[in-house]
Amino acid sequence: MREILFLTNDDPEKRSEAIESAKKSESMPKELGMKIHFMLSAIAGHTAYTLVEADNAGALSRYFGSIPFPQDYTVTPVEHLKDMIERAKEMLSEKK
């Protein structure tokens, strides 16, 4: 469940909206062809970190855009270190 409840302060209407959005978000990644590996929340800074596996940026946009509060997010592509090492080895062997 997305950690968005801290954004609602003491507004019961916004809190209710946040809870409904969080409920929907549990099935949404699968519908969008995404896999969420984990979500971490830094509540004090109103920041969340999510490791997501997705085939396209559009799915990310739909998922994070569904949060009922203004959002700003950054997508940073990452890969597993072992895959990066394998690719580097392949590149070195191609040069020989």
PDB file of N, CA and C in Angstrom:
ATOM      1  N   MET A   1       0.846  -1.173   0.000  1.00  0.00           N
ATOM      2  CA  MET A   1       0.000   0.000   0.000  1.00  0.00           C
ATOM      3  C   MET A   1       0.894   1.240   0.000  1.00  0.00           C
ATOM      4  N   ARG A   2       0.598   2.191  -0.846  1.00  0.00           N
ATOM      5  CA  ARG A   2       1.414   3.399  -0.923  1.00  0.00           C
ATOM      6  C   ARG A   2       1.317   4.185   0.363  1.00  0.00           C
ATOM      7  N   GLU A   3       2.439   4.758   0.735  1.00  0.00           N
ATOM      8  CA  GLU A   3       2.492   5.564   1.954  1.00  0.00           C
ATOM      9  C   GLU A   3       2.081   6.996   1.627  1.00  0.00           C
ATOM     10  N   ILE A   4       0.797   7.231   1.475  1.00  0.00           N
ATOM     11  CA  ILE A   4       0.330   8.577   1.147  1.00  0.00           C
ATOM     12  C   ILE A   4      -0.507   9.176   2.262  1.00  0.00           C
ATOM     13  N   LEU A   5      -0.757   8.402   3.297  1.00  0.00           N
ATOM     14  CA  LEU A   5      -1.646   8.883   4.345  1.00  0.00           C
ATOM     15  C   LEU A   5      -1.049  10.069   5.109  1.00  0.00           C
ATOM     16  N   PHE A   6       0.281  10.150   5.162  1.00  0.00           N
ATOM     17  CA  PHE A   6       0.897  11.250   5.891  1.00  0.00           C
ATOM     18  C   PHE A   6       0.662  12.594   5.215  1.00  0.00           C
ATOM     19  N   LEU A   7       0.230  12.585   3.978  1.00  0.00           N
ATOM     20  CA  LEU A   7      -0.012  13.834   3.257  1.00  0.00           C
ATOM     21  C   LEU A   7      -1.367  14.448   3.595  1.00  0.00           C
ATOM     22  N   THR A   8      -2.196  13.717   4.314  1.00  0.00           N
ATOM     23  CA  THR A   8      -3.572  14.156   4.510  1.00  0.00           C
ATOM     24  C   THR A   8      -3.759  15.067   5.713  1.00  0.00           C
ATOM     25  N   ASN A   9      -2.748  15.194   6.546  1.00  0.00           N
ATOM     26  CA  ASN A   9      -2.840  15.997   7.765  1.00  0.00           C
ATOM     27  C   ASN A   9      -4.085  15.603   8.548  1.00  0.00           C
ATOM     28  N   ASP A  10      -4.889  16.570   8.956  1.00  0.00           N
ATOM     29  CA  ASP A  10      -6.070  16.265   9.760  1.00  0.00           C
ATOM     30  C   ASP A  10      -7.380  16.414   8.988  1.00  0.00           C
ATOM     31  N   ASP A  11      -7.315  16.413   7.678  1.00  0.00           N
ATOM     32  CA  ASP A  11      -8.505  16.574   6.852  1.00  0.00           C
ATOM     33  C   ASP A  11      -9.148  15.208   6.612  1.00  0.00           C
ATOM     34  N   PRO A  12     -10.276  14.920   7.272  1.00  0.00           N
ATOM     35  CA  PRO A  12     -10.910  13.596   7.134  1.00  0.00           C
ATOM     36  C   PRO A  12     -11.293  13.255   5.698  1.00  0.00           C
ATOM     37  N   GLU A  13     -11.708  14.243   4.917  1.00  0.00           N
ATOM     38  CA  GLU A  13     -12.101  13.982   3.534  1.00  0.00           C
ATOM     39  C   GLU A  13     -10.885  13.532   2.716  1.00  0.00           C
ATOM     40  N   LYS A  14      -9.765  14.234   2.881  1.00  0.00           N
ATOM     41  CA  LYS A  14      -8.554  13.857   2.161  1.00  0.00           C
ATOM     42  C   LYS A  14      -8.028  12.510   2.646  1.00  0.00           C
ATOM     43  N   ARG A  15      -8.148  12.256   3.947  1.00  0.00           N
ATOM     44  CA  ARG A  15      -7.693  10.976   4.487  1.00  0.00           C
ATOM     45  C   ARG A  15      -8.504   9.836   3.863  1.00  0.00           C
ATOM     46  N   SER A  16      -9.818  10.012   3.771  1.00  0.00           N
ATOM     47  CA  SER A  16     -10.682   8.999   3.169  1.00  0.00           C
ATOM     48  C   SER A  16     -10.306   8.774   1.705  1.00  0.00           C
ATOM     49  N   GLU A  17     -10.063   9.846   0.988  1.00  0.00           N
ATOM     50  CA  GLU A  17      -9.670   9.758  -0.417  1.00  0.00           C
ATOM     51  C   GLU A  17      -8.324   9.022  -0.552  1.00  0.00           C
ATOM     52  N   ALA A  18      -7.412   9.309   0.361  1.00  0.00           N
ATOM     53  CA  ALA A  18      -6.099   8.660   0.335  1.00  0.00           C
ATOM     54  C   ALA A  18      -6.219   7.164   0.596  1.00  0.00           C
ATOM     55  N   ILE A  19      -7.074   6.788   1.535  1.00  0.00           N
ATOM     56  CA  ILE A  19      -7.255   5.368   1.853  1.00  0.00           C
ATOM     57  C   ILE A  19      -7.843   4.626   0.650  1.00  0.00           C
ATOM     58  N   GLU A  20      -8.835   5.206  -0.004  1.00  0.00           N
ATOM     59  CA  GLU A  20      -9.431   4.576  -1.184  1.00  0.00           C
ATOM     60  C   GLU A  20      -8.404   4.438  -2.303  1.00  0.00           C
ATOM     61  N   SER A  21      -7.605   5.465  -2.507  1.00  0.00           N
ATOM     62  CA  SER A  21      -6.573   5.414  -3.534  1.00  0.00           C
ATOM     63  C   SER A  21      -5.552   4.324  -3.220  1.00  0.00           C
ATOM     64  N   ALA A  22      -5.169   4.210  -1.961  1.00  0.00           N
ATOM     65  CA  ALA A  22      -4.189   3.197  -1.557  1.00  0.00           C
ATOM     66  C   ALA A  22      -4.750   1.791  -1.781  1.00  0.00           C
ATOM     67  N   LYS A  23      -6.028   1.596  -1.514  1.00  0.00           N
ATOM     68  CA  LYS A  23      -6.651   0.287  -1.740  1.00  0.00           C
ATOM     69  C   LYS A  23      -6.589  -0.088  -3.220  1.00  0.00           C
ATOM     70  N   LYS A  24      -6.922   0.867  -4.083  1.00  0.00           N
ATOM     71  CA  LYS A  24      -6.894   0.617  -5.525  1.00  0.00           C
ATOM     72  C   LYS A  24      -5.476   0.348  -6.009  1.00  0.00           C
ATOM     73  N   SER A  25      -4.498   0.993  -5.374  1.00  0.00           N
ATOM     74  CA  SER A  25      -3.123   0.894  -5.855  1.00  0.00           C
ATOM     75  C   SER A  25      -2.518  -0.482  -5.652  1.00  0.00           C
ATOM     76  N   GLU A  26      -3.122  -1.311  -4.828  1.00  0.00           N
ATOM     77  CA  GLU A  26      -2.567  -2.640  -4.598  1.00  0.00           C
ATOM     78  C   GLU A  26      -2.711  -3.539  -5.827  1.00  0.00           C
ATOM     79  N   SER A  27      -3.770  -3.381  -6.601  1.00  0.00           N
ATOM     80  CA  SER A  27      -3.962  -4.194  -7.799  1.00  0.00           C
ATOM     81  C   SER A  27      -3.456  -3.501  -9.060  1.00  0.00           C
ATOM     82  N   MET A  28      -3.265  -2.210  -8.996  1.00  0.00           N
ATOM     83  CA  MET A  28      -2.901  -1.430 -10.173  1.00  0.00           C
ATOM     84  C   MET A  28      -1.567  -1.848 -10.819  1.00  0.00           C
ATOM     85  N   PRO A  29      -0.503  -2.110 -10.064  1.00  0.00           N
ATOM     86  CA  PRO A  29       0.755  -2.472 -10.725  1.00  0.00           C
ATOM     87  C   PRO A  29       0.609  -3.676 -11.656  1.00  0.00           C
ATOM     88  N   LYS A  30      -0.097  -4.696 -11.206  1.00  0.00           N
ATOM     89  CA  LYS A  30      -0.286  -5.884 -12.052  1.00  0.00           C
ATOM     90  C   LYS A  30      -1.063  -5.526 -13.311  1.00  0.00           C
ATOM     91  N   GLU A  31      -2.099  -4.712 -13.154  1.00  0.00           N
ATOM     92  CA  GLU A  31      -2.900  -4.287 -14.311  1.00  0.00           C
ATOM     93  C   GLU A  31      -2.057  -3.518 -15.324  1.00  0.00           C
ATOM     94  N   LEU A  32      -1.047  -2.803 -14.842  1.00  0.00           N
ATOM     95  CA  LEU A  32      -0.187  -1.993 -15.710  1.00  0.00           C
ATOM     96  C   LEU A  32       1.056  -2.744 -16.181  1.00  0.00           C
ATOM     97  N   GLY A  33       1.186  -4.008 -15.789  1.00  0.00           N
ATOM     98  CA  GLY A  33       2.353  -4.789 -16.178  1.00  0.00           C
ATOM     99  C   GLY A  33       3.608  -4.406 -15.414  1.00  0.00           C
ATOM    100  N   MET A  34       3.440  -3.931 -14.190  1.00  0.00           N
ATOM    101  CA  MET A  34       4.561  -3.504 -13.357  1.00  0.00           C
ATOM    102  C   MET A  34       4.746  -4.488 -12.203  1.00  0.00           C
ATOM    103  N   LYS A  35       5.938  -4.492 -11.656  1.00  0.00           N
ATOM    104  CA  LYS A  35       6.193  -5.238 -10.434  1.00  0.00           C
ATOM    105  C   LYS A  35       6.867  -4.278  -9.452  1.00  0.00           C
ATOM    106  N   ILE A  36       6.260  -4.112  -8.286  1.00  0.00           N
ATOM    107  CA  ILE A  36       6.855  -3.269  -7.254  1.00  0.00           C
ATOM    108  C   ILE A  36       7.633  -4.189  -6.322  1.00  0.00           C
ATOM    109  N   HIS A  37       8.942  -3.981  -6.279  1.00  0.00           N
ATOM    110  CA  HIS A  37       9.792  -4.806  -5.425  1.00  0.00           C
ATOM    111  C   HIS A  37       9.721  -4.335  -3.981  1.00  0.00           C
ATOM    112  N   PHE A  38       9.723  -3.018  -3.782  1.00  0.00           N
ATOM    113  CA  PHE A  38       9.535  -2.480  -2.440  1.00  0.00           C
ATOM    114  C   PHE A  38       9.256  -0.993  -2.500  1.00  0.00           C
ATOM    115  N   MET A  39       8.675  -0.486  -1.415  1.00  0.00           N
ATOM    116  CA  MET A  39       8.442   0.955  -1.243  1.00  0.00           C
ATOM    117  C   MET A  39       8.930   1.315   0.154  1.00  0.00           C
ATOM    118  N   LEU A  40       9.672   2.387   0.219  1.00  0.00           N
ATOM    119  CA  LEU A  40      10.147   2.906   1.495  1.00  0.00           C
ATOM    120  C   LEU A  40       9.661   4.340   1.612  1.00  0.00           C
ATOM    121  N   SER A  41       9.347   4.746   2.808  1.00  0.00           N
ATOM    122  CA  SER A  41       8.832   6.095   3.005  1.00  0.00           C
ATOM    123  C   SER A  41       9.689   6.847   4.009  1.00  0.00           C
ATOM    124  N   ALA A  42      10.045   8.076   3.637  1.00  0.00           N
ATOM    125  CA  ALA A  42      10.731   8.989   4.546  1.00  0.00           C
ATOM    126  C   ALA A  42       9.707  10.064   4.888  1.00  0.00           C
ATOM    127  N   ILE A  43       8.866   9.761   5.864  1.00  0.00           N
ATOM    128  CA  ILE A  43       7.719  10.606   6.173  1.00  0.00           C
ATOM    129  C   ILE A  43       8.125  12.043   6.494  1.00  0.00           C
ATOM    130  N   ALA A  44       9.192  12.205   7.248  1.00  0.00           N
ATOM    131  CA  ALA A  44       9.602  13.557   7.639  1.00  0.00           C
ATOM    132  C   ALA A  44       9.878  14.453   6.432  1.00  0.00           C
ATOM    133  N   GLY A  45      10.389  13.856   5.356  1.00  0.00           N
ATOM    134  CA  GLY A  45      10.676  14.631   4.156  1.00  0.00           C
ATOM    135  C   GLY A  45       9.598  14.530   3.097  1.00  0.00           C
ATOM    136  N   HIS A  46       8.480  13.874   3.431  1.00  0.00           N
ATOM    137  CA  HIS A  46       7.389  13.659   2.475  1.00  0.00           C
ATOM    138  C   HIS A  46       7.926  13.059   1.176  1.00  0.00           C
ATOM    139  N   THR A  47       8.755  12.034   1.333  1.00  0.00           N
ATOM    140  CA  THR A  47       9.400  11.392   0.197  1.00  0.00           C
ATOM    141  C   THR A  47       9.219   9.889   0.297  1.00  0.00           C
ATOM    142  N   ALA A  48       9.024   9.259  -0.838  1.00  0.00           N
ATOM    143  CA  ALA A  48       8.950   7.802  -0.886  1.00  0.00           C
ATOM    144  C   ALA A  48       9.919   7.316  -1.960  1.00  0.00           C
ATOM    145  N   TYR A  49      10.486   6.153  -1.733  1.00  0.00           N
ATOM    146  CA  TYR A  49      11.394   5.526  -2.685  1.00  0.00           C
ATOM    147  C   TYR A  49      10.795   4.181  -3.058  1.00  0.00           C
ATOM    148  N   THR A  50      10.692   3.941  -4.354  1.00  0.00           N
ATOM    149  CA  THR A  50      10.045   2.729  -4.841  1.00  0.00           C
ATOM    150  C   THR A  50      10.934   2.068  -5.883  1.00  0.00           C
ATOM    151  N   LEU A  51      11.194   0.784  -5.710  1.00  0.00           N
ATOM    152  CA  LEU A  51      11.907   0.024  -6.731  1.00  0.00           C
ATOM    153  C   LEU A  51      10.849  -0.693  -7.554  1.00  0.00           C
ATOM    154  N   VAL A  52      10.726  -0.270  -8.813  1.00  0.00           N
ATOM    155  CA  VAL A  52       9.666  -0.751  -9.694  1.00  0.00           C
ATOM    156  C   VAL A  52      10.283  -1.362 -10.947  1.00  0.00           C
ATOM    157  N   GLU A  53       9.721  -2.466 -11.376  1.00  0.00           N
ATOM    158  CA  GLU A  53      10.100  -3.082 -12.635  1.00  0.00           C
ATOM    159  C   GLU A  53       8.950  -2.824 -13.609  1.00  0.00           C
ATOM    160  N   ALA A  54       9.247  -2.132 -14.702  1.00  0.00           N
ATOM    161  CA  ALA A  54       8.205  -1.799 -15.674  1.00  0.00           C
ATOM    162  C   ALA A  54       8.803  -1.779 -17.075  1.00  0.00           C
ATOM    163  N   ASP A  55       7.972  -2.100 -18.056  1.00  0.00           N
ATOM    164  CA  ASP A  55       8.432  -2.107 -19.442  1.00  0.00           C
ATOM    165  C   ASP A  55       8.380  -0.736 -20.094  1.00  0.00           C
ATOM    166  N   ASN A  56       7.595   0.178 -19.507  1.00  0.00           N
ATOM    167  CA  ASN A  56       7.497   1.492 -20.136  1.00  0.00           C
ATOM    168  C   ASN A  56       7.205   2.580 -19.100  1.00  0.00           C
ATOM    169  N   ALA A  57       7.572   3.789 -19.451  1.00  0.00           N
ATOM    170  CA  ALA A  57       7.388   4.934 -18.552  1.00  0.00           C
ATOM    171  C   ALA A  57       5.913   5.305 -18.412  1.00  0.00           C
ATOM    172  N   GLY A  58       5.109   4.959 -19.405  1.00  0.00           N
ATOM    173  CA  GLY A  58       3.683   5.270 -19.332  1.00  0.00           C
ATOM    174  C   GLY A  58       3.007   4.590 -18.150  1.00  0.00           C
ATOM    175  N   ALA A  59       3.408   3.363 -17.870  1.00  0.00           N
ATOM    176  CA  ALA A  59       2.842   2.648 -16.722  1.00  0.00           C
ATOM    177  C   ALA A  59       3.210   3.359 -15.428  1.00  0.00           C
ATOM    178  N   LEU A  60       4.443   3.828 -15.333  1.00  0.00           N
ATOM    179  CA  LEU A  60       4.873   4.560 -14.139  1.00  0.00           C
ATOM    180  C   LEU A  60       4.067   5.840 -13.981  1.00  0.00           C
ATOM    181  N   SER A  61       3.869   6.525 -15.079  1.00  0.00           N
ATOM    182  CA  SER A  61       3.110   7.779 -15.054  1.00  0.00           C
ATOM    183  C   SER A  61       1.677   7.541 -14.598  1.00  0.00           C
ATOM    184  N   ARG A  62       1.047   6.492 -15.109  1.00  0.00           N
ATOM    185  CA  ARG A  62      -0.335   6.193 -14.697  1.00  0.00           C
ATOM    186  C   ARG A  62      -0.404   5.808 -13.233  1.00  0.00           C
ATOM    187  N   TYR A  63       0.576   5.025 -12.762  1.00  0.00           N
ATOM    188  CA  TYR A  63       0.565   4.573 -11.378  1.00  0.00           C
ATOM    189  C   TYR A  63       0.762   5.745 -10.420  1.00  0.00           C
ATOM    190  N   PHE A  64       1.818   6.500 -10.611  1.00  0.00           N
ATOM    191  CA  PHE A  64       2.099   7.599  -9.685  1.00  0.00           C
ATOM    192  C   PHE A  64       1.128   8.764  -9.890  1.00  0.00           C
ATOM    193  N   GLY A  65       0.597   8.898 -11.086  1.00  0.00           N
ATOM    194  CA  GLY A  65      -0.389   9.940 -11.347  1.00  0.00           C
ATOM    195  C   GLY A  65      -1.742   9.658 -10.729  1.00  0.00           C
ATOM    196  N   SER A  66      -1.961   8.425 -10.303  1.00  0.00           N
ATOM    197  CA  SER A  66      -3.259   8.075  -9.705  1.00  0.00           C
ATOM    198  C   SER A  66      -3.356   8.502  -8.241  1.00  0.00           C
ATOM    199  N   ILE A  67      -2.255   8.931  -7.654  1.00  0.00           N
ATOM    200  CA  ILE A  67      -2.279   9.415  -6.270  1.00  0.00           C
ATOM    201  C   ILE A  67      -3.057  10.725  -6.255  1.00  0.00           C
ATOM    202  N   PRO A  68      -4.041  10.870  -5.368  1.00  0.00           N
ATOM    203  CA  PRO A  68      -4.935  12.035  -5.427  1.00  0.00           C
ATOM    204  C   PRO A  68      -4.356  13.317  -4.832  1.00  0.00           C
ATOM    205  N   PHE A  69      -3.053  13.465  -4.901  1.00  0.00           N
ATOM    206  CA  PHE A  69      -2.390  14.674  -4.412  1.00  0.00           C
ATOM    207  C   PHE A  69      -1.342  15.063  -5.444  1.00  0.00           C
ATOM    208  N   PRO A  70      -0.994  16.329  -5.510  1.00  0.00           N
ATOM    209  CA  PRO A  70       0.056  16.726  -6.460  1.00  0.00           C
ATOM    210  C   PRO A  70       1.321  15.910  -6.216  1.00  0.00           C
ATOM    211  N   GLN A  71       1.896  15.392  -7.291  1.00  0.00           N
ATOM    212  CA  GLN A  71       3.080  14.539  -7.184  1.00  0.00           C
ATOM    213  C   GLN A  71       4.197  15.051  -8.082  1.00  0.00           C
ATOM    214  N   ASP A  72       5.402  14.817  -7.636  1.00  0.00           N
ATOM    215  CA  ASP A  72       6.591  15.055  -8.440  1.00  0.00           C
ATOM    216  C   ASP A  72       7.441  13.808  -8.267  1.00  0.00           C
ATOM    217  N   TYR A  73       7.825  13.186  -9.358  1.00  0.00           N
ATOM    218  CA  TYR A  73       8.634  11.988  -9.214  1.00  0.00           C
ATOM    219  C   TYR A  73       9.731  11.967 -10.261  1.00  0.00           C
ATOM    220  N   THR A  74      10.782  11.241  -9.933  1.00  0.00           N
ATOM    221  CA  THR A  74      11.930  11.086 -10.809  1.00  0.00           C
ATOM    222  C   THR A  74      12.108   9.604 -11.087  1.00  0.00           C
ATOM    223  N   VAL A  75      12.315   9.267 -12.348  1.00  0.00           N
ATOM    224  CA  VAL A  75      12.563   7.883 -12.729  1.00  0.00           C
ATOM    225  C   VAL A  75      14.055   7.753 -13.021  1.00  0.00           C
ATOM    226  N   THR A  76      14.702   6.841 -12.325  1.00  0.00           N
ATOM    227  CA  THR A  76      16.123   6.585 -12.524  1.00  0.00           C
ATOM    228  C   THR A  76      16.298   5.120 -12.897  1.00  0.00           C
ATOM    229  N   PRO A  77      16.641   4.836 -14.156  1.00  0.00           N
ATOM    230  CA  PRO A  77      16.842   3.436 -14.544  1.00  0.00           C
ATOM    231  C   PRO A  77      18.029   2.843 -13.781  1.00  0.00           C
ATOM    232  N   VAL A  78      17.864   1.620 -13.321  1.00  0.00           N
ATOM    233  CA  VAL A  78      18.931   0.915 -12.615  1.00  0.00           C
ATOM    234  C   VAL A  78      19.004  -0.509 -13.139  1.00  0.00           C
ATOM    235  N   GLU A  79      20.120  -1.164 -12.884  1.00  0.00           N
ATOM    236  CA  GLU A  79      20.254  -2.568 -13.225  1.00  0.00           C
ATOM    237  C   GLU A  79      21.067  -3.257 -12.140  1.00  0.00           C
ATOM    238  N   HIS A  80      20.923  -4.551 -12.069  1.00  0.00           N
ATOM    239  CA  HIS A  80      21.629  -5.332 -11.065  1.00  0.00           C
ATOM    240  C   HIS A  80      23.123  -5.297 -11.379  1.00  0.00           C
ATOM    241  N   LEU A  81      23.945  -5.222 -10.363  1.00  0.00           N
ATOM    242  CA  LEU A  81      25.395  -5.147 -10.531  1.00  0.00           C
ATOM    243  C   LEU A  81      25.932  -6.337 -11.308  1.00  0.00           C
ATOM    244  N   LYS A  82      25.424  -7.534 -11.044  1.00  0.00           N
ATOM    245  CA  LYS A  82      25.927  -8.720 -11.754  1.00  0.00           C
ATOM    246  C   LYS A  82      25.663  -8.617 -13.253  1.00  0.00           C
ATOM    247  N   ASP A  83      24.534  -8.014 -13.652  1.00  0.00           N
ATOM    248  CA  ASP A  83      24.235  -7.831 -15.073  1.00  0.00           C
ATOM    249  C   ASP A  83      25.187  -6.810 -15.694  1.00  0.00           C
ATOM    250  N   MET A  84      25.504  -5.772 -14.952  1.00  0.00           N
ATOM    251  CA  MET A  84      26.428  -4.754 -15.444  1.00  0.00           C
ATOM    252  C   MET A  84      27.824  -5.355 -15.642  1.00  0.00           C
ATOM    253  N   ILE A  85      28.256  -6.202 -14.722  1.00  0.00           N
ATOM    254  CA  ILE A  85      29.571  -6.837 -14.826  1.00  0.00           C
ATOM    255  C   ILE A  85      29.613  -7.770 -16.042  1.00  0.00           C
ATOM    256  N   GLU A  86      28.536  -8.531 -16.245  1.00  0.00           N
ATOM    257  CA  GLU A  86      28.473  -9.420 -17.409  1.00  0.00           C
ATOM    258  C   GLU A  86      28.557  -8.637 -18.720  1.00  0.00           C
ATOM    259  N   ARG A  87      27.847  -7.534 -18.777  1.00  0.00           N
ATOM    260  CA  ARG A  87      27.894  -6.699 -19.981  1.00  0.00           C
ATOM    261  C   ARG A  87      29.292  -6.145 -20.212  1.00  0.00           C
ATOM    262  N   ALA A  88      29.951  -5.717 -19.145  1.00  0.00           N
ATOM    263  CA  ALA A  88      31.323  -5.197 -19.258  1.00  0.00           C
ATOM    264  C   ALA A  88      32.260  -6.281 -19.762  1.00  0.00           C
ATOM    265  N   LYS A  89      32.113  -7.518 -19.265  1.00  0.00           N
ATOM    266  CA  LYS A  89      32.937  -8.635 -19.734  1.00  0.00           C
ATOM    267  C   LYS A  89      32.712  -8.887 -21.221  1.00  0.00           C
ATOM    268  N   GLU A  90      31.446  -8.848 -21.642  1.00  0.00           N
ATOM    269  CA  GLU A  90      31.127  -9.054 -23.058  1.00  0.00           C
ATOM    270  C   GLU A  90      31.769  -7.971 -23.917  1.00  0.00           C
ATOM    271  N   MET A  91      31.703  -6.747 -23.454  1.00  0.00           N
ATOM    272  CA  MET A  91      32.297  -5.631 -24.207  1.00  0.00           C
ATOM    273  C   MET A  91      33.813  -5.813 -24.312  1.00  0.00           C
ATOM    274  N   LEU A  92      34.451  -6.255 -23.246  1.00  0.00           N
ATOM    275  CA  LEU A  92      35.899  -6.477 -23.274  1.00  0.00           C
ATOM    276  C   LEU A  92      36.267  -7.607 -24.223  1.00  0.00           C
ATOM    277  N   SER A  93      35.492  -8.683 -24.216  1.00  0.00           N
ATOM    278  CA  SER A  93      35.797  -9.813 -25.096  1.00  0.00           C
ATOM    279  C   SER A  93      35.574  -9.448 -26.566  1.00  0.00           C
ATOM    280  N   GLU A  94      34.649  -8.546 -26.847  1.00  0.00           N
ATOM    281  CA  GLU A  94      34.410  -8.107 -28.226  1.00  0.00           C
ATOM    282  C   GLU A  94      35.578  -7.298 -28.771  1.00  0.00           C
ATOM    283  N   LYS A  95      36.289  -6.601 -27.881  1.00  0.00           N
ATOM    284  CA  LYS A  95      37.423  -5.764 -28.302  1.00  0.00           C
ATOM    285  C   LYS A  95      38.662  -6.582 -28.632  1.00  0.00           C
ATOM    286  N   LYS A  96      38.723  -7.840 -28.164  1.00  0.00           N
ATOM    287  CA  LYS A  96      39.924  -8.688 -28.389  1.00  0.00           C
ATOM    288  C   LYS A  96      39.937  -9.276 -29.751  1.00  0.00           C
TER     289      LYS A  96
END
